[in-house]
Protein backbone atom coordinates (compact mmCIF):
# COMPACT_ATOMS: atom_id res chain seq x y z
CA UNK A 1 0.00 0.00 0.00
CA UNK A 2 1.34 3.44 -0.97
CA UNK A 3 1.86 6.13 1.66
CA UNK A 4 -0.95 8.62 2.14
CA UNK A 5 -0.78 12.30 1.30
CA UNK A 6 1.23 14.33 3.82
CA UNK A 7 -0.73 16.80 5.95
CA UNK A 8 2.29 18.87 6.89
CA UNK A 9 5.48 19.80 5.08
CA UNK A 10 8.73 20.83 6.72
CA UNK A 11 11.05 22.46 4.21
CA UNK A 12 14.25 20.51 3.76
CA UNK A 13 16.98 20.10 1.22
CA UNK A 14 16.45 16.88 -0.67
CA UNK A 15 19.01 15.47 -3.07
CA UNK A 16 17.65 15.89 -6.61
CA UNK A 17 18.94 14.68 -9.97
CA UNK A 18 18.44 16.64 -13.19
CA UNK A 19 18.18 14.37 -16.23
CA UNK A 20 19.12 15.92 -19.58
CA UNK A 21 18.96 13.58 -22.60
CA UNK A 22 20.25 15.13 -25.81
CA UNK A 23 21.03 14.38 -29.44
CA UNK A 24 22.37 16.83 -32.02
CA UNK A 25 21.30 19.70 -29.77
CA UNK A 26 24.32 21.98 -30.12
CA UNK A 27 22.16 24.81 -31.50
CA UNK A 28 19.89 24.99 -28.45
CA UNK A 29 21.85 23.36 -25.62
CA UNK A 30 22.83 26.67 -24.04
CA UNK A 31 19.13 27.25 -23.29
CA UNK A 32 19.07 24.18 -21.06
CA UNK A 33 22.37 25.10 -19.40
CA UNK A 34 21.04 28.55 -18.59
CA UNK A 35 17.85 27.10 -17.10
CA UNK A 36 19.94 24.80 -14.90
CA UNK A 37 22.38 27.49 -13.79
CA UNK A 38 19.73 29.94 -12.54
CA UNK A 39 17.90 27.45 -10.30
CA UNK A 40 17.51 28.76 -6.74
CA UNK A 41 17.47 25.23 -5.34
CA UNK A 42 20.77 24.73 -3.45
CA UNK A 43 23.28 23.57 -6.05
CA UNK A 44 25.11 21.39 -3.55
CA UNK A 45 21.97 19.22 -3.38
CA UNK A 46 21.73 18.83 -7.15
CA UNK A 47 23.28 16.30 -9.50
CA UNK A 48 23.13 16.76 -13.27
CA UNK A 49 23.22 13.68 -15.51
CA UNK A 50 23.67 14.43 -19.22
CA UNK A 51 23.25 11.50 -21.61
CA UNK A 52 24.12 12.06 -25.27
CA UNK A 53 22.43 9.68 -27.70
CA UNK A 54 25.25 9.48 -30.26
CA UNK A 55 25.25 13.07 -31.57
CA UNK A 56 27.04 13.84 -34.82
CA UNK A 57 27.56 17.52 -33.93
CA UNK A 58 29.46 19.00 -30.97
CA UNK A 59 26.69 18.38 -28.41
CA UNK A 60 28.89 16.06 -26.33
CA UNK A 61 31.82 18.48 -26.21
CA UNK A 62 29.50 21.32 -25.13
CA UNK A 63 28.15 19.09 -22.36
CA UNK A 64 31.66 18.29 -21.18
CA UNK A 65 32.55 21.98 -21.19
CA UNK A 66 29.50 22.85 -19.08
CA UNK A 67 30.36 20.04 -16.66
CA UNK A 68 33.77 21.64 -16.07
CA UNK A 69 32.33 25.11 -15.52
CA UNK A 70 29.21 24.51 -13.41
CA UNK A 71 29.16 24.33 -9.62
CA UNK A 72 26.67 21.44 -9.86
CA UNK A 73 27.98 17.89 -9.61
CA UNK A 74 27.74 16.65 -13.21
CA UNK A 75 28.04 13.27 -14.90
CA UNK A 76 28.25 13.11 -18.70
CA UNK A 77 27.99 9.91 -20.72
CA UNK A 78 26.72 8.55 -24.05
CA UNK A 79 24.18 5.88 -24.97
CA UNK A 80 25.86 5.55 -28.40
CA UNK A 81 22.62 5.91 -30.33
CA UNK A 82 20.53 3.35 -28.42
CA UNK A 83 17.43 5.58 -28.40
CA UNK A 84 15.66 7.99 -26.08
CA UNK A 85 14.28 5.40 -23.67
CA UNK A 86 17.76 3.95 -23.18
CA UNK A 87 19.24 7.40 -22.51
CA UNK A 88 16.55 8.10 -19.90
CA UNK A 89 17.20 4.80 -18.18
CA UNK A 90 20.94 5.56 -18.08
CA UNK A 91 20.08 8.87 -16.39
CA UNK A 92 17.89 7.01 -13.86
CA UNK A 93 20.63 4.44 -13.21
CA UNK A 94 23.04 7.26 -12.36
CA UNK A 95 20.57 9.36 -10.37
CA UNK A 96 20.98 10.24 -6.70
CA UNK A 97 18.35 11.26 -4.18
CA UNK A 98 14.59 10.82 -4.20
CA UNK A 99 13.66 12.64 -7.39
CA UNK A 100 14.71 13.17 -10.99
CA UNK A 101 13.68 16.35 -12.82
CA UNK A 102 13.64 16.00 -16.61
CA UNK A 103 14.75 18.89 -18.79
CA UNK A 104 14.55 19.07 -22.59
CA UNK A 105 17.31 20.93 -24.39
CA UNK A 106 15.08 23.84 -25.51
CA UNK A 107 13.04 24.40 -22.33
CA UNK A 108 13.25 27.68 -20.44
CA UNK A 109 12.62 27.08 -16.73
CA UNK A 110 11.66 29.59 -14.06
CA UNK A 111 14.42 29.99 -11.48
CA UNK A 112 12.27 28.36 -8.78
CA UNK A 113 11.19 25.47 -11.02
CA UNK A 114 13.01 22.64 -9.21
CA UNK A 115 12.21 24.00 -5.76
CA UNK A 116 8.50 24.27 -6.57
CA UNK A 117 8.37 20.74 -8.01
CA UNK A 118 10.24 19.21 -5.08
CA UNK A 119 8.08 21.00 -2.50
CA UNK A 120 4.96 19.77 -4.31
CA UNK A 121 6.19 16.17 -4.28
CA UNK A 122 7.15 16.39 -0.60
CA UNK A 123 3.65 17.59 0.25
CA UNK A 124 2.03 14.84 -1.82
CA UNK A 125 3.64 11.47 -1.17
CA UNK A 126 0.98 9.69 -3.26
CA UNK A 127 2.19 11.43 -6.44
CA UNK A 128 4.56 9.37 -8.58
CA UNK A 129 5.24 12.01 -11.23
CA UNK A 130 4.14 15.57 -11.97
CA UNK A 131 4.79 18.01 -14.77
CA UNK A 132 5.20 21.75 -14.53
CA UNK A 133 2.87 24.24 -16.15
CA UNK A 134 3.82 25.45 -19.60
CA UNK A 135 3.58 29.19 -20.09
CA UNK A 136 2.43 29.78 -23.64
CA UNK A 137 4.25 32.46 -25.59
CA UNK A 138 1.99 33.39 -28.48
CA UNK A 139 3.48 31.63 -31.54
CA UNK A 140 4.10 33.41 -34.82
CA UNK A 141 3.46 30.45 -37.14
CA UNK A 142 0.37 28.36 -37.87
CA UNK A 143 2.28 25.25 -36.81
CA UNK A 144 3.22 26.83 -33.49
CA UNK A 145 -0.36 28.00 -32.87
CA UNK A 146 -1.68 24.49 -33.52
CA UNK A 147 0.86 22.91 -31.20
CA UNK A 148 0.28 25.34 -28.35
CA UNK A 149 -3.49 25.16 -28.77
CA UNK A 150 -3.33 21.42 -28.33
CA UNK A 151 -1.10 21.72 -25.25
CA UNK A 152 -3.36 24.31 -23.66
CA UNK A 153 -6.50 22.27 -24.23
CA UNK A 154 -5.07 19.07 -22.80
CA UNK A 155 -3.34 20.56 -19.74
CA UNK A 156 -5.42 18.78 -17.13
CA UNK A 157 -4.83 18.83 -13.39
CA UNK A 158 -5.05 15.02 -13.10
CA UNK A 159 -3.60 13.66 -16.34
CA UNK A 160 -3.58 9.98 -17.26
CA UNK A 161 -0.13 10.24 -18.82
CA UNK A 162 2.51 12.97 -18.79
CA UNK A 163 5.57 13.79 -20.83
CA UNK A 164 9.02 13.99 -19.32
CA UNK A 165 10.02 17.48 -20.43
CA UNK A 166 9.56 19.83 -17.47
CA UNK A 167 8.49 17.00 -15.16
CA UNK A 168 9.61 15.50 -11.85
CA UNK A 169 9.52 11.75 -11.22
CA UNK A 170 9.81 10.00 -7.90
CA UNK A 171 12.66 7.51 -8.28
CA UNK A 172 10.84 5.01 -6.07
CA UNK A 173 7.82 5.18 -8.40
CA UNK A 174 10.06 4.63 -11.42
CA UNK A 175 11.64 1.62 -9.74
CA UNK A 176 8.28 0.07 -8.83
CA UNK A 177 7.01 0.64 -12.39
CA UNK A 178 10.06 -1.09 -13.86
CA UNK A 179 11.83 1.94 -15.31
CA UNK A 180 11.87 2.96 -18.96
CA UNK A 181 11.24 0.37 -21.65
CA UNK A 182 14.55 0.45 -23.56
CA UNK A 183 12.94 -1.39 -26.49
CA UNK A 184 11.26 1.92 -27.37
CA UNK A 185 13.59 3.68 -29.79
CA UNK A 186 11.59 6.77 -30.73
CA UNK A 187 8.83 8.77 -29.04
CA UNK A 188 6.45 7.45 -26.39
CA UNK A 189 8.86 6.33 -23.69
CA UNK A 190 7.46 8.96 -21.31
CA UNK A 191 3.81 8.08 -21.88
CA UNK A 192 4.62 4.40 -21.41
CA UNK A 193 6.41 4.84 -18.09
CA UNK A 194 3.91 7.35 -16.69
CA UNK A 195 1.10 4.95 -17.67
CA UNK A 196 2.82 2.15 -15.73
CA UNK A 197 3.48 4.44 -12.76
CA UNK A 198 -0.24 5.21 -12.60
CA UNK A 199 -1.12 1.53 -12.96
CA UNK A 200 1.24 0.81 -10.04
CA UNK A 201 -1.01 2.86 -7.78
CA UNK A 202 0.63 6.28 -7.91
CA UNK A 203 -1.17 9.45 -8.96
CA UNK A 204 0.01 11.91 -11.63
CA UNK A 205 -0.45 15.65 -11.40
CA UNK A 206 0.42 19.17 -12.54
CA UNK A 207 2.55 21.63 -10.53
CA UNK A 208 1.01 24.96 -11.47
CA UNK A 209 3.65 26.94 -9.57
CA UNK A 210 6.54 25.37 -11.55
CA UNK A 211 6.45 27.14 -14.89
CA UNK A 212 8.41 26.72 -18.10
CA UNK A 213 8.19 27.57 -21.78
CA UNK A 214 9.39 26.04 -25.02
CA UNK A 215 11.96 28.13 -26.88
CA UNK A 216 11.46 26.63 -30.33
CA UNK A 217 8.02 25.13 -31.13
CA UNK A 218 7.59 23.53 -34.60
CA UNK A 219 7.95 26.30 -37.16
CA UNK A 220 6.30 24.66 -40.19
CA UNK A 221 3.38 22.35 -40.87
CA UNK A 222 5.85 19.86 -42.32
CA UNK A 223 7.79 19.81 -39.03
CA UNK A 224 4.54 19.45 -37.10
CA UNK A 225 3.45 16.58 -39.38
CA UNK A 226 6.77 14.80 -38.84
CA UNK A 227 6.50 15.25 -35.07
CA UNK A 228 2.96 13.85 -34.86
CA UNK A 229 3.77 11.06 -37.31
CA UNK A 230 6.41 9.93 -34.81
CA UNK A 231 3.80 10.07 -32.01
CA UNK A 232 1.45 7.88 -34.02
CA UNK A 233 4.29 5.49 -34.80
CA UNK A 234 5.02 5.18 -31.07
CA UNK A 235 1.34 4.83 -30.16
CA UNK A 236 1.14 1.58 -32.12
CA UNK A 237 3.81 0.08 -29.85
CA UNK A 238 2.10 1.43 -26.73
CA UNK A 239 -1.32 0.21 -27.89
CA UNK A 240 -0.10 -3.37 -28.26
CA UNK A 241 2.00 -3.30 -25.11
CA UNK A 242 -0.49 -1.73 -22.70
CA UNK A 243 -3.81 -2.64 -24.40
CA UNK A 244 -4.97 0.90 -23.64
CA UNK A 245 -7.56 2.22 -26.12
CA UNK A 246 -6.79 5.80 -25.11
CA UNK A 247 -3.62 5.68 -27.19
CA UNK A 248 -5.66 5.45 -30.42
CA UNK A 249 -9.19 6.75 -29.70
CA UNK A 250 -8.34 10.19 -31.08
CA UNK A 251 -7.87 8.66 -34.55
CA UNK A 252 -11.63 7.99 -34.81
CA UNK A 253 -12.82 10.82 -37.17
CA UNK A 254 -15.73 12.16 -35.04
CA UNK A 255 -13.50 12.27 -31.96
CA UNK A 256 -10.69 13.91 -33.97
CA UNK A 257 -13.08 16.65 -35.13
CA UNK A 258 -14.44 17.20 -31.61
CA UNK A 259 -10.89 17.51 -30.28
CA UNK A 260 -10.14 19.91 -33.11
CA UNK A 261 -13.01 22.22 -32.14
CA UNK A 262 -11.99 22.02 -28.48
CA UNK A 263 -8.45 22.99 -29.40
CA UNK A 264 -9.80 25.76 -31.62
CA UNK A 265 -11.49 27.26 -28.57
CA UNK A 266 -8.16 27.15 -26.72
CA UNK A 267 -6.44 28.75 -29.71
CA UNK A 268 -9.01 31.57 -29.90
CA UNK A 269 -8.50 32.33 -26.19
CA UNK A 270 -4.74 32.18 -26.63
CA UNK A 271 -4.31 34.24 -29.77
CA UNK A 272 -7.62 36.10 -30.32
CA UNK A 273 -7.76 34.40 -33.73
CA UNK A 274 -11.41 33.65 -34.50
CA UNK A 275 -11.03 31.22 -37.43
CA UNK A 276 -11.83 28.27 -35.20
CA UNK A 277 -13.23 26.07 -37.97
CA UNK A 278 -9.99 26.41 -39.95
CA UNK A 279 -7.90 25.28 -36.98
CA UNK A 280 -10.31 22.40 -36.33
CA UNK A 281 -9.67 21.14 -39.87
CA UNK A 282 -5.91 21.65 -39.49
CA UNK A 283 -6.00 19.71 -36.21
CA UNK A 284 -7.81 16.93 -38.04
CA UNK A 285 -5.01 16.87 -40.63
CA UNK A 286 -2.44 16.56 -37.84
CA UNK A 287 -4.46 13.66 -36.46
CA UNK A 288 -4.17 12.08 -39.89
CA UNK A 289 -0.39 12.40 -39.48
CA UNK A 290 -0.60 10.38 -36.25
CA UNK A 291 -2.82 7.81 -37.94
CA UNK A 292 -0.35 7.60 -40.83
CA UNK A 293 2.43 6.95 -38.32
CA UNK A 294 0.29 4.34 -36.56
CA UNK A 295 -0.37 2.46 -39.82
CA UNK A 296 3.28 2.60 -40.86
CA UNK A 297 4.26 1.27 -37.45
CA UNK A 298 1.80 -1.60 -37.88
CA UNK A 299 3.22 -2.42 -41.31
CA UNK A 300 6.74 -2.36 -39.86
CA UNK A 301 5.66 -4.65 -37.02
CA UNK A 302 6.77 -2.18 -34.34
CA UNK A 303 4.98 -3.37 -31.24
CA UNK A 304 4.31 -6.85 -32.59
CA UNK A 305 6.08 -9.72 -30.86
CA UNK A 306 8.61 -10.13 -33.68
CA UNK A 307 8.59 -6.56 -34.95
CA UNK A 308 11.55 -4.23 -35.38
CA UNK A 309 11.78 -0.46 -35.71
CA UNK A 310 12.17 0.86 -39.24
CA UNK A 311 15.58 2.51 -39.19
CA UNK A 312 14.74 5.01 -41.96
CA UNK A 313 12.47 6.87 -39.52
CA UNK A 314 15.48 8.08 -37.63
CA UNK A 315 14.60 6.27 -34.41
């Protein structure tokens, strides 16, 4: 039986690991380093684990340089191209303390981000993982507006699954859930592990006081299509592994259109753009991208007992 929610919280300094998994991120890596450096959580209680997934640019050398310059204890290693799930598990295997905070290379964190997430977890011992609240900076492209509209509409207080970027995971919850599935080579490793954490009896949540923003949302519809194609490709694996219909229900056309109109409402509130019907149709097209990825994944056998990942997808 899991421990019950704490009724009181005495502030203390808990050892916390920051997990940063990167690949060919030299262009944006300084954003992550800046977010880490400004944290007001005591640096002597932090450990940074950077795992490079076989970059072909100078990502690894930049990580090594930051490790020499920062006052935070830092461990840098490489997964040699084994995939995102493997890099996350390497970070977990080298973590210290009770928590691991995940940072993507292009996320801008508030200076109190780690402190707010840790305090939230200390107050709520039934929570296995929680993500921060994304502050939406009004995008300048249609692709960016679509992406942020979707994020705003689905930002629920009690989510069924959460992504890793801007999130804190209880290491004990990760251990009980079995860690990351290193057979996953592309997207979806975060949804899979958060799903298993929830199934293990832990709750998931949002930390509204821990805020962050994304520096570079998708700039073109082509980039957005590629991103959601990869999500659909991953969802096929997750659907077969977890037998959870929620991974594919959105592909049903009536549901896709309803989600599109819901997201259009979020977009209109966010941007004051009133062409809701247009964005509903564009959302539907993006859903088609996920469905296309799902079908391709099925044809490749990714998620089937004897299936392998199609290498041409870049996973």
